[in-house]
């Protein structure tokens, strides 16, 4: 099941979309500054609204980058943070529609994300790593060790794994 998520190109596509949108939001925040967000708009706005826009662009940009990272790592927290970022972005852009109609462009990525990730939620939420890596060739564990002349395969995590490797190397085990 881990490999089916690993090869899912649509998850990579959604992560890429979030990276692009988040970098765009951060660029708007950097160029706009708290007082200058009104220069991107057709209608004049108050300084309070400009600060709110700045904070939300900054917040959603950072949240989107974190969500994209977690999604590209294919983690459960990445799934949930992407869903959180999607709903927060939809709420912000719906409010933005009251100021300017072009805010609807910001709705595209979160709606695509929700539709795609909802269809693949079982792959994220029901995925479990094996408790033990014994005799598994395609193990998800990164610290996998199989002895050179032995019949056993062990994980090298923790003190017990280190002791087993030592014993096996000097032919005390197996």
N, C-alpha and C. Protein backbone atom coordinates (compact mmCIF):
# COMPACT_ATOMS: atom_id res chain seq x y z
N UNK A 1 0.83 -1.19 0.00
CA UNK A 1 0.00 0.00 0.00
C UNK A 1 0.87 1.25 0.00
N UNK A 2 2.03 1.19 0.65
CA UNK A 2 2.93 2.34 0.69
C UNK A 2 3.40 2.69 -0.72
N UNK A 3 3.70 1.67 -1.53
CA UNK A 3 4.17 1.92 -2.88
C UNK A 3 3.10 2.53 -3.76
N UNK A 4 1.82 2.22 -3.51
CA UNK A 4 0.76 2.78 -4.34
C UNK A 4 0.64 4.28 -4.13
N UNK A 5 0.92 4.75 -2.90
CA UNK A 5 0.93 6.20 -2.67
C UNK A 5 2.20 6.79 -3.26
N UNK A 6 3.30 6.06 -3.13
CA UNK A 6 4.58 6.57 -3.59
C UNK A 6 4.56 6.86 -5.08
N UNK A 7 3.87 6.07 -5.85
CA UNK A 7 3.86 6.22 -7.30
C UNK A 7 2.70 7.06 -7.82
N UNK A 8 1.88 7.57 -6.95
CA UNK A 8 0.70 8.31 -7.36
C UNK A 8 1.09 9.70 -7.86
N UNK A 9 1.08 9.87 -9.16
CA UNK A 9 1.51 11.13 -9.77
C UNK A 9 0.53 12.27 -9.50
N UNK A 10 -0.71 11.97 -9.23
CA UNK A 10 -1.66 13.04 -8.94
C UNK A 10 -1.37 13.69 -7.59
N UNK A 11 -0.85 12.91 -6.64
CA UNK A 11 -0.46 13.49 -5.36
C UNK A 11 0.72 14.44 -5.56
N UNK A 12 1.66 14.04 -6.39
CA UNK A 12 2.79 14.92 -6.71
C UNK A 12 2.30 16.18 -7.42
N UNK A 13 1.33 16.03 -8.30
CA UNK A 13 0.76 17.18 -9.01
C UNK A 13 0.09 18.15 -8.03
N UNK A 14 -0.68 17.63 -7.08
CA UNK A 14 -1.33 18.48 -6.08
C UNK A 14 -0.28 19.18 -5.22
N UNK A 15 0.75 18.46 -4.82
CA UNK A 15 1.83 19.08 -4.05
C UNK A 15 2.51 20.20 -4.83
N UNK A 16 2.73 19.98 -6.12
CA UNK A 16 3.32 21.01 -6.97
C UNK A 16 2.40 22.23 -7.08
N UNK A 17 1.10 22.00 -7.24
CA UNK A 17 0.15 23.12 -7.29
C UNK A 17 0.21 23.94 -6.00
N UNK A 18 0.30 23.27 -4.86
CA UNK A 18 0.37 23.99 -3.59
C UNK A 18 1.67 24.77 -3.46
N UNK A 19 2.76 24.20 -3.97
CA UNK A 19 4.02 24.94 -3.94
C UNK A 19 3.92 26.23 -4.76
N UNK A 20 3.36 26.12 -5.96
CA UNK A 20 3.23 27.29 -6.83
C UNK A 20 2.32 28.33 -6.19
N UNK A 21 1.16 27.91 -5.68
CA UNK A 21 0.23 28.87 -5.09
C UNK A 21 0.82 29.50 -3.83
N UNK A 22 1.49 28.72 -3.03
CA UNK A 22 2.06 29.26 -1.79
C UNK A 22 3.18 30.26 -2.07
N UNK A 23 4.03 29.95 -3.01
CA UNK A 23 5.09 30.88 -3.38
C UNK A 23 4.49 32.16 -3.96
N UNK A 24 3.42 32.02 -4.75
CA UNK A 24 2.73 33.20 -5.27
C UNK A 24 2.15 34.06 -4.17
N UNK A 25 1.53 33.44 -3.19
CA UNK A 25 0.96 34.20 -2.07
C UNK A 25 2.05 34.90 -1.26
N UNK A 26 3.16 34.21 -1.05
CA UNK A 26 4.26 34.83 -0.31
C UNK A 26 4.88 35.99 -1.10
N UNK A 27 4.93 35.85 -2.42
CA UNK A 27 5.43 36.96 -3.25
C UNK A 27 4.50 38.17 -3.18
N UNK A 28 3.20 37.94 -3.23
CA UNK A 28 2.24 39.04 -3.07
C UNK A 28 2.42 39.73 -1.71
N UNK A 29 2.63 38.93 -0.66
CA UNK A 29 2.82 39.51 0.66
C UNK A 29 4.12 40.30 0.73
N UNK A 30 5.18 39.78 0.11
CA UNK A 30 6.47 40.46 0.15
C UNK A 30 6.45 41.76 -0.63
N UNK A 31 5.82 41.75 -1.79
CA UNK A 31 5.77 42.95 -2.63
C UNK A 31 4.76 43.95 -2.09
N UNK A 32 3.65 43.45 -1.56
CA UNK A 32 2.57 44.33 -1.12
C UNK A 32 2.83 45.03 0.18
N UNK A 33 3.56 44.41 1.09
CA UNK A 33 3.76 44.91 2.45
C UNK A 33 2.41 45.16 3.13
N UNK A 34 2.39 45.29 4.44
CA UNK A 34 1.10 45.46 5.13
C UNK A 34 0.30 46.68 4.67
N UNK A 35 0.99 47.75 4.32
CA UNK A 35 0.26 48.96 3.93
C UNK A 35 -0.06 49.02 2.44
N UNK A 36 0.62 48.23 1.63
CA UNK A 36 0.49 48.38 0.19
C UNK A 36 -0.28 47.31 -0.54
N UNK A 37 -1.06 46.51 0.15
CA UNK A 37 -1.81 45.44 -0.53
C UNK A 37 -2.87 45.99 -1.47
N UNK A 38 -3.28 47.23 -1.26
CA UNK A 38 -4.30 47.83 -2.11
C UNK A 38 -3.84 48.11 -3.51
N UNK A 39 -2.52 48.13 -3.75
CA UNK A 39 -2.05 48.42 -5.10
C UNK A 39 -2.32 47.29 -6.08
N UNK A 40 -2.68 46.12 -5.59
CA UNK A 40 -3.03 45.00 -6.46
C UNK A 40 -4.52 44.98 -6.81
N UNK A 41 -5.28 45.84 -6.18
CA UNK A 41 -6.73 45.80 -6.32
C UNK A 41 -7.25 46.95 -7.18
N UNK A 42 -8.41 46.72 -7.77
CA UNK A 42 -9.06 47.75 -8.57
C UNK A 42 -9.83 48.74 -7.71
N UNK A 43 -10.29 48.29 -6.56
CA UNK A 43 -11.07 49.15 -5.67
C UNK A 43 -10.22 49.57 -4.48
N UNK A 44 -10.42 50.77 -3.98
CA UNK A 44 -9.64 51.20 -2.81
C UNK A 44 -10.10 50.45 -1.56
N UNK A 45 -9.14 50.18 -0.68
CA UNK A 45 -9.44 49.48 0.58
C UNK A 45 -8.83 50.27 1.74
N UNK A 46 -9.32 49.99 2.92
CA UNK A 46 -8.81 50.67 4.11
C UNK A 46 -7.47 50.06 4.52
N UNK A 47 -6.78 50.74 5.40
CA UNK A 47 -5.49 50.22 5.87
C UNK A 47 -5.69 48.95 6.70
N UNK A 48 -6.80 48.85 7.41
CA UNK A 48 -7.09 47.64 8.19
C UNK A 48 -7.29 46.45 7.26
N UNK A 49 -8.02 46.64 6.18
CA UNK A 49 -8.23 45.57 5.21
C UNK A 49 -6.91 45.19 4.55
N UNK A 50 -6.06 46.17 4.31
CA UNK A 50 -4.75 45.89 3.71
C UNK A 50 -3.90 45.03 4.64
N UNK A 51 -3.93 45.32 5.92
CA UNK A 51 -3.17 44.51 6.89
C UNK A 51 -3.75 43.11 6.98
N UNK A 52 -5.06 42.98 6.96
CA UNK A 52 -5.69 41.65 7.00
C UNK A 52 -5.30 40.85 5.76
N UNK A 53 -5.31 41.48 4.60
CA UNK A 53 -4.89 40.79 3.37
C UNK A 53 -3.44 40.34 3.47
N UNK A 54 -2.58 41.21 3.97
CA UNK A 54 -1.16 40.88 4.11
C UNK A 54 -0.97 39.68 5.03
N UNK A 55 -1.60 39.72 6.19
CA UNK A 55 -1.45 38.62 7.16
C UNK A 55 -1.99 37.31 6.59
N UNK A 56 -3.12 37.37 5.92
CA UNK A 56 -3.70 36.15 5.36
C UNK A 56 -2.85 35.59 4.21
N UNK A 57 -2.31 36.46 3.36
CA UNK A 57 -1.43 35.98 2.29
C UNK A 57 -0.19 35.33 2.89
N UNK A 58 0.37 35.95 3.90
CA UNK A 58 1.55 35.40 4.57
C UNK A 58 1.22 34.07 5.25
N UNK A 59 0.13 34.03 6.01
CA UNK A 59 -0.29 32.82 6.71
C UNK A 59 -0.59 31.67 5.74
N UNK A 60 -1.38 31.96 4.69
CA UNK A 60 -1.74 30.91 3.74
C UNK A 60 -0.54 30.46 2.91
N UNK A 61 0.40 31.36 2.66
CA UNK A 61 1.61 30.97 1.94
C UNK A 61 2.46 30.01 2.75
N UNK A 62 2.65 30.32 4.02
CA UNK A 62 3.45 29.44 4.89
C UNK A 62 2.72 28.12 5.13
N UNK A 63 1.42 28.19 5.41
CA UNK A 63 0.64 26.97 5.61
C UNK A 63 0.65 26.09 4.36
N UNK A 64 0.56 26.71 3.21
CA UNK A 64 0.59 25.95 1.96
C UNK A 64 1.93 25.27 1.72
N UNK A 65 3.03 25.94 2.06
CA UNK A 65 4.35 25.31 1.91
C UNK A 65 4.51 24.12 2.85
N UNK A 66 4.04 24.28 4.07
CA UNK A 66 4.10 23.17 5.03
C UNK A 66 3.23 22.01 4.54
N UNK A 67 2.05 22.32 4.06
CA UNK A 67 1.14 21.28 3.56
C UNK A 67 1.73 20.58 2.35
N UNK A 68 2.33 21.34 1.44
CA UNK A 68 2.94 20.73 0.25
C UNK A 68 4.08 19.81 0.63
N UNK A 69 4.90 20.23 1.58
CA UNK A 69 6.00 19.38 2.05
C UNK A 69 5.47 18.07 2.63
N UNK A 70 4.48 18.16 3.50
CA UNK A 70 3.91 16.96 4.09
C UNK A 70 3.22 16.07 3.07
N UNK A 71 2.57 16.69 2.11
CA UNK A 71 1.90 15.91 1.07
C UNK A 71 2.91 15.20 0.18
N UNK A 72 3.99 15.89 -0.17
CA UNK A 72 5.02 15.26 -1.00
C UNK A 72 5.78 14.18 -0.23
N UNK A 73 5.80 14.26 1.09
CA UNK A 73 6.38 13.18 1.91
C UNK A 73 5.38 12.04 2.09
N UNK A 74 4.15 12.26 1.66
CA UNK A 74 3.07 11.28 1.73
C UNK A 74 2.75 10.89 3.17
N UNK A 75 2.69 11.88 4.03
CA UNK A 75 2.39 11.61 5.44
C UNK A 75 0.94 11.95 5.76
N UNK A 76 0.47 11.39 6.88
CA UNK A 76 -0.90 11.68 7.29
C UNK A 76 -1.07 13.14 7.66
N UNK A 77 -0.08 13.71 8.36
CA UNK A 77 -0.19 15.12 8.72
C UNK A 77 -0.15 16.00 7.47
N UNK A 78 0.52 15.53 6.42
CA UNK A 78 0.52 16.27 5.16
C UNK A 78 -0.85 16.28 4.52
N UNK A 79 -1.54 15.14 4.60
CA UNK A 79 -2.90 15.06 4.09
C UNK A 79 -3.80 16.04 4.85
N UNK A 80 -3.74 15.98 6.19
CA UNK A 80 -4.62 16.83 7.00
C UNK A 80 -4.26 18.31 6.88
N UNK A 81 -2.98 18.62 6.80
CA UNK A 81 -2.61 20.04 6.66
C UNK A 81 -3.00 20.57 5.29
N UNK A 82 -2.97 19.73 4.27
CA UNK A 82 -3.42 20.17 2.95
C UNK A 82 -4.93 20.41 2.96
N UNK A 83 -5.67 19.55 3.63
CA UNK A 83 -7.11 19.78 3.74
C UNK A 83 -7.41 21.06 4.52
N UNK A 84 -6.67 21.29 5.62
CA UNK A 84 -6.84 22.51 6.39
C UNK A 84 -6.50 23.74 5.55
N UNK A 85 -5.39 23.67 4.84
CA UNK A 85 -5.00 24.79 3.97
C UNK A 85 -6.04 25.02 2.87
N UNK A 86 -6.61 23.95 2.36
CA UNK A 86 -7.63 24.09 1.31
C UNK A 86 -8.87 24.81 1.83
N UNK A 87 -9.37 24.38 2.97
CA UNK A 87 -10.57 25.02 3.51
C UNK A 87 -10.30 26.45 3.97
N UNK A 88 -9.13 26.70 4.54
CA UNK A 88 -8.79 28.07 4.93
C UNK A 88 -8.66 28.98 3.71
N UNK A 89 -8.07 28.45 2.64
CA UNK A 89 -7.93 29.24 1.41
C UNK A 89 -9.28 29.52 0.78
N UNK A 90 -10.16 28.54 0.80
CA UNK A 90 -11.51 28.76 0.25
C UNK A 90 -12.23 29.83 1.05
N UNK A 91 -12.15 29.76 2.36
CA UNK A 91 -12.81 30.78 3.19
C UNK A 91 -12.23 32.17 2.92
N UNK A 92 -10.92 32.28 2.84
CA UNK A 92 -10.28 33.57 2.58
C UNK A 92 -10.65 34.10 1.20
N UNK A 93 -10.62 33.24 0.19
CA UNK A 93 -10.92 33.71 -1.16
C UNK A 93 -12.40 34.02 -1.36
N UNK A 94 -13.27 33.35 -0.63
CA UNK A 94 -14.69 33.75 -0.70
C UNK A 94 -14.87 35.14 -0.10
N UNK A 95 -14.15 35.44 0.98
CA UNK A 95 -14.18 36.79 1.52
C UNK A 95 -13.54 37.76 0.52
N UNK A 96 -12.47 37.31 -0.15
CA UNK A 96 -11.81 38.15 -1.15
C UNK A 96 -12.69 38.47 -2.34
N UNK A 97 -13.66 37.60 -2.62
CA UNK A 97 -14.59 37.88 -3.73
C UNK A 97 -15.44 39.11 -3.45
N UNK A 98 -15.63 39.44 -2.18
CA UNK A 98 -16.40 40.65 -1.86
C UNK A 98 -15.61 41.92 -2.18
N UNK A 99 -14.28 41.79 -2.27
CA UNK A 99 -13.43 42.93 -2.58
C UNK A 99 -13.16 43.01 -4.08
N UNK A 100 -12.79 41.88 -4.66
CA UNK A 100 -12.46 41.85 -6.09
C UNK A 100 -12.75 40.47 -6.66
N UNK A 101 -13.30 40.44 -7.86
CA UNK A 101 -13.74 39.18 -8.46
C UNK A 101 -12.57 38.26 -8.82
N UNK A 102 -11.38 38.79 -9.07
CA UNK A 102 -10.25 37.94 -9.45
C UNK A 102 -9.77 37.04 -8.31
N UNK A 103 -10.31 37.22 -7.12
CA UNK A 103 -9.98 36.31 -6.00
C UNK A 103 -10.46 34.90 -6.29
N UNK A 104 -11.36 34.74 -7.24
CA UNK A 104 -11.87 33.41 -7.60
C UNK A 104 -10.76 32.52 -8.14
N UNK A 105 -9.68 33.11 -8.66
CA UNK A 105 -8.56 32.32 -9.16
C UNK A 105 -7.95 31.50 -8.03
N UNK A 106 -7.93 32.05 -6.83
CA UNK A 106 -7.37 31.34 -5.68
C UNK A 106 -8.18 30.14 -5.24
N UNK A 107 -9.38 29.98 -5.75
CA UNK A 107 -10.23 28.84 -5.39
C UNK A 107 -9.88 27.58 -6.18
N UNK A 108 -9.14 27.72 -7.27
CA UNK A 108 -8.89 26.59 -8.17
C UNK A 108 -8.07 25.49 -7.48
N UNK A 109 -6.93 25.85 -6.91
CA UNK A 109 -6.04 24.84 -6.30
C UNK A 109 -6.70 24.14 -5.12
N UNK A 110 -7.34 24.85 -4.19
CA UNK A 110 -7.94 24.12 -3.07
C UNK A 110 -9.09 23.20 -3.48
N UNK A 111 -9.87 23.61 -4.45
CA UNK A 111 -10.97 22.74 -4.90
C UNK A 111 -10.41 21.50 -5.58
N UNK A 112 -9.39 21.65 -6.43
CA UNK A 112 -8.75 20.49 -7.06
C UNK A 112 -8.16 19.59 -5.97
N UNK A 113 -7.53 20.18 -4.98
CA UNK A 113 -6.91 19.40 -3.90
C UNK A 113 -7.94 18.59 -3.13
N UNK A 114 -9.03 19.20 -2.77
CA UNK A 114 -10.05 18.50 -2.01
C UNK A 114 -10.63 17.35 -2.83
N UNK A 115 -10.91 17.59 -4.10
CA UNK A 115 -11.48 16.54 -4.94
C UNK A 115 -10.52 15.37 -5.11
N UNK A 116 -9.25 15.65 -5.34
CA UNK A 116 -8.28 14.58 -5.55
C UNK A 116 -7.98 13.86 -4.24
N UNK A 117 -7.71 14.61 -3.18
CA UNK A 117 -7.32 13.97 -1.92
C UNK A 117 -8.48 13.22 -1.26
N UNK A 118 -9.69 13.70 -1.45
CA UNK A 118 -10.83 12.97 -0.88
C UNK A 118 -10.93 11.58 -1.50
N UNK A 119 -10.64 11.48 -2.78
CA UNK A 119 -10.68 10.18 -3.45
C UNK A 119 -9.55 9.26 -3.02
N UNK A 120 -8.49 9.81 -2.48
CA UNK A 120 -7.34 9.01 -2.08
C UNK A 120 -7.11 9.00 -0.57
N UNK A 121 -8.11 9.39 0.18
CA UNK A 121 -7.92 9.51 1.63
C UNK A 121 -7.65 8.17 2.29
N UNK A 122 -8.20 7.10 1.78
CA UNK A 122 -7.96 5.79 2.38
C UNK A 122 -6.50 5.39 2.28
N UNK A 123 -5.84 5.78 1.19
CA UNK A 123 -4.42 5.45 1.04
C UNK A 123 -3.58 6.15 2.09
N UNK A 124 -3.98 7.35 2.46
CA UNK A 124 -3.23 8.09 3.48
C UNK A 124 -3.58 7.65 4.88
N UNK A 125 -4.85 7.49 5.15
CA UNK A 125 -5.30 7.29 6.52
C UNK A 125 -5.19 5.85 6.99
N UNK A 126 -5.24 4.90 6.09
CA UNK A 126 -5.18 3.50 6.49
C UNK A 126 -3.80 2.90 6.29
N UNK A 127 -2.85 3.70 5.86
CA UNK A 127 -1.50 3.21 5.61
C UNK A 127 -0.79 2.98 6.94
N UNK A 128 -0.18 1.80 7.05
CA UNK A 128 0.58 1.48 8.25
C UNK A 128 1.94 0.94 7.84
N UNK A 129 2.94 1.32 8.56
CA UNK A 129 4.26 0.74 8.33
C UNK A 129 4.36 -0.56 9.11
N UNK A 130 5.14 -1.48 8.62
CA UNK A 130 5.26 -2.75 9.33
C UNK A 130 5.95 -2.56 10.68
N UNK A 131 5.50 -3.33 11.67
CA UNK A 131 6.11 -3.25 12.99
C UNK A 131 7.50 -3.86 12.97
N UNK A 132 7.67 -4.87 12.19
CA UNK A 132 8.95 -5.55 12.11
C UNK A 132 9.36 -5.69 10.65
N UNK A 133 10.61 -5.62 10.40
CA UNK A 133 11.10 -5.70 9.02
C UNK A 133 11.71 -7.06 8.71
N UNK A 134 11.41 -8.07 9.48
CA UNK A 134 12.02 -9.37 9.28
C UNK A 134 11.67 -9.92 7.90
N UNK A 135 12.69 -10.24 7.15
CA UNK A 135 12.58 -10.90 5.86
C UNK A 135 11.73 -10.14 4.84
N UNK A 136 11.73 -8.84 4.92
CA UNK A 136 11.00 -8.02 3.95
C UNK A 136 12.00 -7.35 3.03
N UNK A 137 11.87 -7.59 1.76
CA UNK A 137 12.81 -6.97 0.80
C UNK A 137 12.44 -5.53 0.52
N UNK A 138 11.17 -5.22 0.40
CA UNK A 138 10.72 -3.86 0.08
C UNK A 138 10.18 -3.16 1.31
N UNK A 139 10.98 -3.13 2.33
CA UNK A 139 10.55 -2.57 3.61
C UNK A 139 10.56 -1.05 3.56
N UNK A 140 9.62 -0.43 4.26
CA UNK A 140 9.57 1.03 4.33
C UNK A 140 10.59 1.57 5.32
N UNK A 141 11.16 0.71 6.13
CA UNK A 141 12.15 1.14 7.12
C UNK A 141 13.44 1.51 6.42
N UNK A 142 14.01 2.64 6.77
CA UNK A 142 15.22 3.09 6.10
C UNK A 142 16.47 2.44 6.68
N UNK A 143 16.39 1.89 7.88
CA UNK A 143 17.55 1.28 8.52
C UNK A 143 17.44 -0.24 8.46
N UNK A 144 17.52 -0.78 7.29
CA UNK A 144 17.34 -2.21 7.07
C UNK A 144 18.70 -2.86 6.90
N UNK A 145 18.89 -3.98 7.55
CA UNK A 145 20.18 -4.66 7.47
C UNK A 145 19.96 -6.15 7.32
N UNK A 146 20.64 -6.76 6.40
CA UNK A 146 20.63 -8.21 6.25
C UNK A 146 22.09 -8.67 6.31
N UNK A 147 22.37 -9.63 7.16
CA UNK A 147 23.75 -10.09 7.34
C UNK A 147 24.29 -10.75 6.10
N UNK A 148 25.64 -10.75 5.99
CA UNK A 148 26.26 -11.27 4.78
C UNK A 148 26.15 -12.78 4.65
N UNK A 149 26.27 -13.53 5.75
CA UNK A 149 26.19 -14.97 5.69
C UNK A 149 25.11 -15.49 6.63
N UNK A 150 23.99 -14.80 6.69
CA UNK A 150 23.01 -15.22 7.68
C UNK A 150 21.65 -15.45 7.05
N UNK A 151 20.78 -16.03 7.86
CA UNK A 151 19.43 -16.29 7.43
C UNK A 151 18.46 -15.27 8.00
N UNK A 152 18.94 -14.28 8.77
CA UNK A 152 18.03 -13.34 9.40
C UNK A 152 18.23 -11.94 8.83
N UNK A 153 17.19 -11.17 8.93
CA UNK A 153 17.23 -9.76 8.55
C UNK A 153 16.65 -8.98 9.71
N UNK A 154 17.30 -7.92 10.10
CA UNK A 154 16.86 -7.17 11.26
C UNK A 154 16.88 -5.68 10.97
N UNK A 155 16.15 -4.95 11.77
CA UNK A 155 16.24 -3.49 11.68
C UNK A 155 17.36 -3.03 12.59
N UNK A 156 17.99 -1.95 12.23
CA UNK A 156 19.11 -1.44 13.02
C UNK A 156 18.70 -0.33 13.95
N UNK A 157 17.41 -0.17 14.19
CA UNK A 157 16.96 0.89 15.08
C UNK A 157 17.14 0.47 16.53
N UNK A 158 17.72 1.33 17.30
CA UNK A 158 17.82 1.15 18.73
C UNK A 158 18.95 0.23 19.15
N UNK A 159 19.04 0.07 20.45
CA UNK A 159 20.11 -0.71 21.05
C UNK A 159 20.01 -2.19 20.67
N UNK A 160 18.81 -2.75 20.67
CA UNK A 160 18.63 -4.17 20.37
C UNK A 160 19.11 -4.50 18.96
N UNK A 161 18.83 -3.65 18.02
CA UNK A 161 19.29 -3.87 16.65
C UNK A 161 20.80 -3.85 16.56
N UNK A 162 21.44 -2.96 17.30
CA UNK A 162 22.89 -2.87 17.30
C UNK A 162 23.51 -4.14 17.88
N UNK A 163 22.93 -4.65 18.97
CA UNK A 163 23.43 -5.88 19.58
C UNK A 163 23.27 -7.05 18.62
N UNK A 164 22.14 -7.16 17.95
CA UNK A 164 21.92 -8.26 17.01
C UNK A 164 22.89 -8.21 15.84
N UNK A 165 23.19 -7.01 15.35
CA UNK A 165 24.15 -6.90 14.26
C UNK A 165 25.53 -7.35 14.73
N UNK A 166 25.91 -6.92 15.92
CA UNK A 166 27.20 -7.32 16.48
C UNK A 166 27.28 -8.84 16.62
N UNK A 167 26.26 -9.44 17.21
CA UNK A 167 26.26 -10.88 17.41
C UNK A 167 26.29 -11.63 16.09
N UNK A 168 25.56 -11.14 15.11
CA UNK A 168 25.52 -11.80 13.82
C UNK A 168 26.85 -11.67 13.10
N UNK A 169 27.46 -10.52 13.16
CA UNK A 169 28.73 -10.29 12.47
C UNK A 169 29.83 -11.23 12.98
N UNK A 170 29.82 -11.45 14.27
CA UNK A 170 30.84 -12.33 14.83
C UNK A 170 30.34 -13.77 14.98
N UNK A 171 29.26 -14.12 14.27
CA UNK A 171 28.70 -15.47 14.19
C UNK A 171 28.27 -16.02 15.54
N UNK A 172 27.81 -15.15 16.44
CA UNK A 172 27.25 -15.62 17.69
C UNK A 172 25.76 -15.91 17.56
N UNK A 173 25.12 -15.30 16.57
CA UNK A 173 23.69 -15.49 16.39
C UNK A 173 23.46 -16.12 15.04
N UNK A 174 22.55 -17.03 14.96
CA UNK A 174 22.12 -17.54 13.67
C UNK A 174 22.88 -18.72 13.24
